[in-house]
Structure formats: C-alpha cells, structure tokens
Amino acid sequence: MTEIDDNVSKLRLELRRGVVVLAVLSRMTVPQYGYSLIQELAERGLDIEEGTLYPLLRRLEKQGLLESEWEVGEARPRKYYQINKQGRKVLDTLSADWFETVDVMRDLLTDGEKS
C-alpha cells in the first residue's frame, strides 16, 4: 500500500464515523439486536464491525436515544435496541442536517454545475 492509499484509507474512515451513527439510528425503528443490525446494514452496503457497533449501541442508549430489552426466550439471550422518542427527534434533526450537507457538498464538488 502506498502512502497515498494509506492517507485515503484514513480519510475514508473519518468520513464514515459520523455516518455510522446516522445509519444505526435510521434502522432502529423496529427492535433489533446487534448482529441483525450488522447484517441489515451490510446488505445495504455499509459494513460495520462488531467492535464498532456494540460500543455505539451502548453509547446511544446511555445518551437516551435508544431503549433496550433483553429477550431470553431463544437459545441465547439477546439484547434488542429500539429508537425512542428523543432518539427520533435527534434522527430527524441529523437527517435534515445530512441532506443539507450533501447538497452543499454536491455544489462544492461539482463547482455549482447542475447535472
């Protein structure tokens, strides 16, 4: 790997960090456990490692954006997370910010040319 490839890889990682929070919140309208969320996001083109997702889920719960409940009826207990009212408000705000940012960046990257 060249130095420029290494730099691009690091910059991509920086871009993804905030996107992951928005992606996770967007998928939590129905109860999900970690592995099911990893699978769903991967199917949609966003790969997230367990070591990234589980701490994020705990942090979002601690911030009051997600609620969780243990399901013990299956072979192994699973902790299901779901967005709550406060989380929904945050998701709505972040989504609006995201779309606005995408529009600004599209304009900047295309130098204002309409496609």
Protein backbone atom coordinates (compact mmCIF):
# COMPACT_ATOMS: atom_id res chain seq x y z
CA MET A 1 0.00 0.00 0.00
CA THR A 2 1.35 3.39 -0.96
CA GLU A 3 1.40 6.39 1.32
CA ILE A 4 -1.45 8.00 -0.64
CA ASP A 5 -3.52 4.81 -0.35
CA ASP A 6 -2.92 4.85 3.39
CA ASN A 7 -3.98 8.50 3.62
CA VAL A 8 -7.13 7.87 1.58
CA SER A 9 -7.98 4.92 3.81
CA LYS A 10 -7.67 7.07 6.94
CA LEU A 11 -9.74 9.87 5.43
CA ARG A 12 -12.48 7.42 4.42
CA LEU A 13 -12.57 6.20 8.00
CA GLU A 14 -13.06 9.78 9.21
CA LEU A 15 -15.94 10.29 6.76
CA ARG A 16 -17.64 7.10 7.91
CA ARG A 17 -17.56 7.81 11.64
CA GLY A 18 -20.46 10.24 11.73
CA VAL A 19 -22.35 8.39 9.03
CA VAL A 20 -22.43 5.24 11.14
CA VAL A 21 -24.38 6.97 13.92
CA LEU A 22 -26.97 8.22 11.44
CA ALA A 23 -27.19 4.82 9.74
CA VAL A 24 -27.70 2.99 13.03
CA LEU A 25 -30.37 5.38 14.29
CA SER A 26 -32.19 5.12 10.96
CA ARG A 27 -32.51 1.33 11.29
CA MET A 28 -33.73 1.27 14.90
CA THR A 29 -37.41 2.00 14.26
CA VAL A 30 -38.05 -1.69 14.90
CA PRO A 31 -36.33 -3.65 17.69
CA GLN A 32 -33.01 -5.09 16.56
CA TYR A 33 -30.15 -6.89 18.19
CA GLY A 34 -26.58 -6.14 17.21
CA TYR A 35 -25.91 -8.96 14.78
CA SER A 36 -29.19 -8.44 12.89
CA LEU A 37 -28.31 -4.76 12.54
CA ILE A 38 -24.84 -5.61 11.23
CA GLN A 39 -26.43 -7.88 8.62
CA GLU A 40 -29.04 -5.34 7.55
CA LEU A 41 -26.50 -2.56 7.16
CA ALA A 42 -24.15 -4.85 5.23
CA GLU A 43 -26.98 -5.84 2.87
CA ARG A 44 -27.49 -2.14 2.18
CA GLY A 45 -23.78 -1.57 1.53
CA LEU A 46 -22.49 -0.33 4.90
CA ASP A 47 -20.17 -2.78 6.63
CA ILE A 48 -19.75 -2.25 10.36
CA GLU A 49 -17.65 -4.40 12.63
CA GLU A 50 -18.95 -5.71 15.93
CA GLY A 51 -16.22 -3.82 17.77
CA THR A 52 -17.64 -0.59 16.35
CA LEU A 53 -21.35 -1.33 16.63
CA TYR A 54 -21.75 -2.66 20.17
CA PRO A 55 -19.99 0.26 21.90
CA LEU A 56 -22.03 2.63 19.70
CA LEU A 57 -25.31 0.98 20.71
CA ARG A 58 -24.37 1.24 24.39
CA ARG A 59 -23.37 4.89 23.97
CA LEU A 60 -26.61 5.78 22.17
CA GLU A 61 -28.58 4.08 24.92
CA LYS A 62 -26.62 5.93 27.60
CA GLN A 63 -27.32 9.21 25.75
CA GLY A 64 -31.05 8.43 25.99
CA LEU A 65 -31.61 7.87 22.26
CA LEU A 66 -32.23 4.12 22.34
CA GLU A 67 -34.05 1.80 24.70
CA SER A 68 -33.15 -1.84 25.16
CA GLU A 69 -34.77 -5.03 26.36
CA TRP A 70 -33.35 -8.49 26.88
CA GLU A 71 -35.07 -11.34 25.04
CA VAL A 72 -34.36 -14.58 26.89
CA GLY A 73 -36.82 -16.90 25.10
CA GLU A 74 -34.33 -18.06 22.47
CA ALA A 75 -31.32 -20.36 22.81
CA ARG A 76 -29.14 -17.45 23.88
CA PRO A 77 -30.30 -14.17 25.36
CA ARG A 78 -30.25 -11.18 23.02
CA LYS A 79 -30.42 -7.51 23.81
CA TYR A 80 -32.79 -5.70 21.48
CA TYR A 81 -32.47 -1.98 20.90
CA GLN A 82 -35.07 0.43 19.54
CA ILE A 83 -35.12 4.16 18.99
CA ASN A 84 -37.21 6.14 21.47
CA LYS A 85 -38.99 9.50 21.16
CA GLN A 86 -35.88 11.54 21.95
CA GLY A 87 -33.83 9.43 19.55
CA ARG A 88 -36.42 10.01 16.82
CA LYS A 89 -36.10 13.78 17.29
CA VAL A 90 -32.32 13.52 17.07
CA LEU A 91 -32.60 11.32 13.98
CA ASP A 92 -34.94 13.80 12.30
CA THR A 93 -32.55 16.68 13.04
CA LEU A 94 -29.45 14.77 11.93
CA SER A 95 -31.21 13.59 8.77
CA ALA A 96 -32.12 17.15 7.81
CA ASP A 97 -28.53 18.23 8.52
CA TRP A 98 -27.23 15.32 6.44
CA PHE A 99 -29.34 16.17 3.38
CA GLU A 100 -28.38 19.83 3.65
CA THR A 101 -24.70 18.89 3.90
CA VAL A 102 -24.99 16.56 0.90
CA ASP A 103 -26.50 19.38 -1.15
CA VAL A 104 -23.73 21.79 -0.12
CA MET A 105 -21.01 19.22 -0.82
CA ARG A 106 -22.51 18.32 -4.20
CA ASP A 107 -22.43 22.01 -5.12
CA LEU A 108 -18.85 22.38 -3.89
CA LEU A 109 -17.57 19.22 -5.56
CA THR A 110 -19.21 20.00 -8.89
CA ASP A 111 -18.34 23.70 -8.67
CA GLY A 112 -22.03 24.57 -8.90
CA GLU A 113 -22.64 22.72 -12.17
CA LYS A 114 -26.08 21.17 -12.50
CA SER A 115 -26.12 17.54 -13.57
